[in-house]
């Protein structure tokens, strides 16, 4: 299994790293990790829509390019439900749907203009709906997290969504699988980045710090532990590229920590 990037993708990776480095200002790095909106806007909204949305829905991603508008996705429910097997429902009503349910720990929920909401359509399957943050019946309550990034609890009580809000145009589960895959890839990428930053700090510390008159880096036990962390980071990178490279419509076998979705 080879996850080596080709020349074009390697250049994109380098440019993305440079852009994120510029955004990692001293104020944002007070705790050695910058709180950016990439996970919410890219992994939880833009990439799933680009993968599974209609041409009109993909065209509507344009306002996100400048970074002025935030979007996010609601992949968690109380009890840790799989986003491809949600308890939230979308009841058909006329040519649209009525959404009811609860989502938790939604990144940047209070700041987002649009939120992807996976919901089960009775008798059909699972769809993902792009819900405006100000939709009637949608209540967003701030939730504390263990990070510097804001999050919120969504309560959907009779939220109406038109047919244009259904990503891909059908509740066939494809958009929900895409959302799940990119959410996992985004989480893994975040963890990999944090681990890489911690490894860099630790390596510098053991290189310059001395004990018993010797640099810590010369102790075998220390170097073995650093090596273990490096290997763990490479494994995370491989998992991230595997998740990002699969087919949202089921062409690639996917392994996740979520339970298998129910049938419609």
Protein backbone atom coordinates (compact mmCIF):
# COMPACT_ATOMS: atom_id res chain seq x y z
CA UNK A 1 0.00 0.00 0.00
CA UNK A 2 1.63 3.24 -1.17
CA UNK A 3 0.47 6.64 0.15
CA UNK A 4 3.26 8.61 -1.56
CA UNK A 5 1.87 11.83 -3.05
CA UNK A 6 2.45 12.69 -6.68
CA UNK A 7 4.14 15.97 -7.62
CA UNK A 8 0.91 17.96 -7.92
CA UNK A 9 -0.51 16.78 -4.58
CA UNK A 10 2.83 17.33 -2.85
CA UNK A 11 2.85 20.91 -4.12
CA UNK A 12 -0.72 21.41 -2.86
CA UNK A 13 0.30 19.98 0.53
CA UNK A 14 3.25 22.39 0.69
CA UNK A 15 1.12 25.40 -0.23
CA UNK A 16 -1.53 24.45 2.34
CA UNK A 17 1.14 24.11 5.02
CA UNK A 18 2.55 27.54 4.16
CA UNK A 19 -0.92 29.11 4.28
CA UNK A 20 -1.72 27.56 7.65
CA UNK A 21 1.68 28.63 9.00
CA UNK A 22 0.86 32.23 8.09
CA UNK A 23 -2.47 31.92 9.94
CA UNK A 24 -0.72 30.53 13.04
CA UNK A 25 -0.08 33.94 14.58
CA UNK A 26 1.54 34.31 18.04
CA UNK A 27 -1.89 35.12 19.52
CA UNK A 28 -3.37 31.89 18.18
CA UNK A 29 -0.32 29.89 19.28
CA UNK A 30 -0.52 30.82 22.98
CA UNK A 31 -1.03 27.08 23.72
CA UNK A 32 1.28 25.85 20.84
CA UNK A 33 -1.75 24.93 18.64
CA UNK A 34 -3.62 27.39 16.43
CA UNK A 35 -7.42 27.32 16.52
CA UNK A 36 -8.42 27.53 12.85
CA UNK A 37 -11.72 26.86 11.07
CA UNK A 38 -10.30 24.40 8.55
CA UNK A 39 -11.72 21.29 10.23
CA UNK A 40 -15.25 22.72 10.35
CA UNK A 41 -15.41 24.45 6.97
CA UNK A 42 -13.38 21.98 4.91
CA UNK A 43 -13.77 18.51 6.43
CA UNK A 44 -17.31 18.93 7.76
CA UNK A 45 -18.82 20.94 4.92
CA UNK A 46 -16.94 21.84 1.73
CA UNK A 47 -15.33 18.46 0.97
CA UNK A 48 -18.49 16.38 1.57
CA UNK A 49 -20.53 18.76 -0.61
CA UNK A 50 -17.84 18.74 -3.31
CA UNK A 51 -17.80 14.93 -3.25
CA UNK A 52 -21.53 14.18 -3.10
CA UNK A 53 -23.38 17.38 -3.97
CA UNK A 54 -25.08 18.45 -7.17
CA UNK A 55 -23.40 20.91 -9.54
CA UNK A 56 -25.54 23.72 -8.10
CA UNK A 57 -24.58 22.78 -4.53
CA UNK A 58 -20.90 22.66 -5.44
CA UNK A 59 -21.17 26.07 -7.08
CA UNK A 60 -22.67 27.44 -3.84
CA UNK A 61 -19.37 26.68 -2.07
CA UNK A 62 -17.79 29.78 -3.66
CA UNK A 63 -18.42 32.12 -0.67
CA UNK A 64 -16.26 29.83 1.48
CA UNK A 65 -13.16 30.34 -0.67
CA UNK A 66 -12.31 33.75 0.76
CA UNK A 67 -12.55 32.56 4.35
CA UNK A 68 -15.11 35.19 5.30
CA UNK A 69 -17.97 32.70 5.65
CA UNK A 70 -17.89 29.71 8.01
CA UNK A 71 -19.73 26.45 7.48
CA UNK A 72 -19.71 23.24 9.51
CA UNK A 73 -21.28 19.82 9.90
CA UNK A 74 -23.21 18.15 12.72
CA UNK A 75 -21.77 14.62 12.85
CA UNK A 76 -22.41 13.82 16.52
CA UNK A 77 -25.58 13.03 18.44
CA UNK A 78 -26.06 12.19 22.14
CA UNK A 79 -24.65 8.70 22.64
CA UNK A 80 -22.11 8.98 19.83
CA UNK A 81 -24.34 7.97 16.92
CA UNK A 82 -22.72 7.33 13.53
CA UNK A 83 -23.44 10.25 11.13
CA UNK A 84 -24.37 7.64 8.50
CA UNK A 85 -26.94 6.16 10.92
CA UNK A 86 -28.53 9.17 12.67
CA UNK A 87 -31.51 9.29 15.00
CA UNK A 88 -32.41 12.74 13.69
CA UNK A 89 -35.31 12.43 11.24
CA UNK A 90 -36.33 14.27 8.08
CA UNK A 91 -40.03 13.76 7.46
CA UNK A 92 -41.17 14.37 3.85
CA UNK A 93 -43.55 17.32 3.67
CA UNK A 94 -44.72 18.52 0.26
CA UNK A 95 -41.64 18.90 -1.93
CA UNK A 96 -39.38 19.37 1.10
CA UNK A 97 -38.66 17.91 4.53
CA UNK A 98 -39.19 18.66 8.23
CA UNK A 99 -36.19 17.93 10.47
CA UNK A 100 -36.37 16.92 14.14
CA UNK A 101 -33.52 15.85 16.40
CA UNK A 102 -30.48 16.86 18.43
CA UNK A 103 -26.82 17.24 17.44
CA UNK A 104 -24.00 17.90 19.89
CA UNK A 105 -20.44 19.26 19.87
CA UNK A 106 -20.85 20.93 16.48
CA UNK A 107 -17.69 22.97 15.77
CA UNK A 108 -18.32 26.69 15.18
CA UNK A 109 -22.08 26.11 15.24
CA UNK A 110 -22.75 29.61 16.57
CA UNK A 111 -20.52 31.24 13.95
CA UNK A 112 -21.47 29.17 10.88
CA UNK A 113 -23.75 30.40 8.12
CA UNK A 114 -24.66 26.86 7.04
CA UNK A 115 -24.61 23.48 8.77
CA UNK A 116 -24.72 20.00 7.25
CA UNK A 117 -27.24 17.88 9.15
CA UNK A 118 -27.48 14.10 8.53
CA UNK A 119 -31.03 12.82 9.05
CA UNK A 120 -32.96 9.62 8.36
CA UNK A 121 -35.84 9.90 5.90
CA UNK A 122 -38.47 7.33 6.99
CA UNK A 123 -38.99 4.65 4.38
CA UNK A 124 -36.15 5.93 2.18
CA UNK A 125 -32.65 6.24 3.65
CA UNK A 126 -30.23 8.76 5.12
CA UNK A 127 -29.83 12.23 3.66
CA UNK A 128 -27.64 15.19 4.51
CA UNK A 129 -29.27 18.62 4.55
CA UNK A 130 -27.61 22.05 4.30
CA UNK A 131 -29.47 24.01 6.96
CA UNK A 132 -29.07 27.82 7.30
CA UNK A 133 -27.99 28.81 10.81
CA UNK A 134 -31.00 31.12 11.18
CA UNK A 135 -33.63 28.58 10.11
CA UNK A 136 -36.88 28.72 12.15
CA UNK A 137 -36.99 25.88 14.67
CA UNK A 138 -33.19 25.61 14.92
CA UNK A 139 -31.78 26.43 18.36
CA UNK A 140 -28.00 26.61 18.91
CA UNK A 141 -26.68 26.48 22.48
CA UNK A 142 -22.95 26.98 23.19
CA UNK A 143 -21.16 23.90 24.52
CA UNK A 144 -17.80 23.87 26.32
CA UNK A 145 -15.03 21.73 24.83
CA UNK A 146 -11.50 20.78 25.76
CA UNK A 147 -10.07 22.96 22.97
CA UNK A 148 -9.91 26.66 22.21
CA UNK A 149 -12.48 26.25 19.42
CA UNK A 150 -16.17 27.04 20.02
CA UNK A 151 -18.87 24.38 19.64
CA UNK A 152 -22.62 24.20 20.03
CA UNK A 153 -25.61 21.94 20.63
CA UNK A 154 -28.23 21.93 17.88
CA UNK A 155 -31.89 21.36 18.61
CA UNK A 156 -34.00 20.87 15.48
CA UNK A 157 -37.71 21.24 16.18
CA UNK A 158 -39.69 21.20 12.95
CA UNK A 159 -36.93 22.78 10.84
CA UNK A 160 -38.10 22.96 7.23
CA UNK A 161 -35.66 22.18 4.42
CA UNK A 162 -36.43 22.56 0.74
CA UNK A 163 -35.45 19.96 -1.88
CA UNK A 164 -32.41 22.07 -2.80
CA UNK A 165 -31.02 21.55 0.72
CA UNK A 166 -30.69 17.77 0.27
CA UNK A 167 -27.06 17.15 -0.69
CA UNK A 168 -26.89 15.08 -3.85
CA UNK A 169 -30.64 15.35 -4.35
CA UNK A 170 -31.51 11.95 -2.81
CA UNK A 171 -31.47 10.35 0.66
CA UNK A 172 -29.38 7.44 -0.59
CA UNK A 173 -26.72 7.57 2.13
CA UNK A 174 -23.91 8.69 -0.23
CA UNK A 175 -23.60 12.18 1.25
CA UNK A 176 -23.70 10.79 4.80
CA UNK A 177 -20.86 8.39 3.99
CA UNK A 178 -18.86 11.24 2.44
CA UNK A 179 -19.45 13.38 5.54
CA UNK A 180 -18.37 10.54 7.81
CA UNK A 181 -15.24 9.83 5.79
CA UNK A 182 -14.09 13.43 5.65
CA UNK A 183 -14.90 13.95 9.32
CA UNK A 184 -12.66 11.00 10.19
CA UNK A 185 -9.94 12.25 7.84
CA UNK A 186 -10.15 15.74 9.35
CA UNK A 187 -9.97 14.44 12.90
CA UNK A 188 -7.02 12.23 12.02
CA UNK A 189 -5.24 15.10 10.27
CA UNK A 190 -5.80 17.32 13.32
CA UNK A 191 -4.43 14.66 15.65
CA UNK A 192 -1.47 14.09 13.34
CA UNK A 193 -0.67 17.80 13.28
CA UNK A 194 -0.87 18.11 17.06
CA UNK A 195 1.34 15.06 17.46
CA UNK A 196 3.87 16.44 14.98
CA UNK A 197 3.99 19.73 16.88
CA UNK A 198 4.43 17.93 20.20
CA UNK A 199 7.19 15.79 18.71
CA UNK A 200 9.01 18.88 17.46
CA UNK A 201 8.85 20.51 20.90
CA UNK A 202 9.97 17.32 22.63
CA UNK A 203 12.84 16.73 20.21
CA UNK A 204 14.15 20.23 20.77
CA UNK A 205 13.84 19.78 24.54
CA UNK A 206 15.78 16.50 24.71
CA UNK A 207 18.40 17.84 22.31
CA UNK A 208 19.24 20.83 24.50
CA UNK A 209 18.40 19.59 28.02
CA UNK A 210 21.09 17.75 30.00
CA UNK A 211 20.90 15.23 32.82
CA UNK A 212 23.86 13.75 34.66
CA UNK A 213 26.08 15.87 32.45
CA UNK A 214 24.74 14.36 29.20
CA UNK A 215 22.11 15.57 26.70
CA UNK A 216 18.82 13.71 27.15
CA UNK A 217 18.96 12.73 23.48
CA UNK A 218 21.90 10.43 24.19
CA UNK A 219 19.86 8.20 26.51
CA UNK A 220 18.65 5.10 24.69
CA UNK A 221 15.29 4.94 26.48
CA UNK A 222 14.53 8.54 25.44
CA UNK A 223 15.42 7.97 21.80
CA UNK A 224 13.30 4.80 21.70
CA UNK A 225 10.28 6.68 23.05
CA UNK A 226 10.77 9.46 20.50
CA UNK A 227 10.96 6.81 17.81
CA UNK A 228 7.68 5.28 18.99
CA UNK A 229 5.98 8.67 18.75
CA UNK A 230 7.36 9.18 15.24
CA UNK A 231 6.00 5.79 14.13
CA UNK A 232 2.59 6.60 15.63
CA UNK A 233 2.57 9.84 13.65
CA UNK A 234 3.34 8.03 10.40
CA UNK A 235 0.52 5.58 11.11
CA UNK A 236 -1.90 8.48 11.63
CA UNK A 237 -0.79 10.00 8.32
CA UNK A 238 -1.41 6.72 6.51
CA UNK A 239 -4.89 6.45 8.04
CA UNK A 240 -5.67 10.02 7.03
CA UNK A 241 -4.66 9.52 3.39
CA UNK A 242 -6.60 6.25 3.26
CA UNK A 243 -9.74 7.97 4.55
CA UNK A 244 -9.35 10.94 2.22
CA UNK A 245 -8.77 8.77 -0.83
CA UNK A 246 -11.83 6.48 -0.69
CA UNK A 247 -14.96 6.71 -2.81
CA UNK A 248 -17.98 8.43 -1.17
CA UNK A 249 -20.31 6.10 -3.09
CA UNK A 250 -18.92 2.90 -1.69
CA UNK A 251 -16.19 1.94 -4.15
CA UNK A 252 -13.59 1.50 -1.40
CA UNK A 253 -13.83 -0.64 1.71
CA UNK A 254 -13.95 1.62 4.77
CA UNK A 255 -13.01 0.79 8.35
CA UNK A 256 -14.25 3.13 11.08
CA UNK A 257 -14.88 3.18 14.80
CA UNK A 258 -18.62 3.77 14.26
CA UNK A 259 -21.24 0.99 14.18
CA UNK A 260 -22.60 -0.35 10.91
CA UNK A 261 -25.55 1.76 9.62
CA UNK A 262 -29.05 0.30 9.79
CA UNK A 263 -31.01 -0.34 6.63
CA UNK A 264 -33.70 2.19 5.73
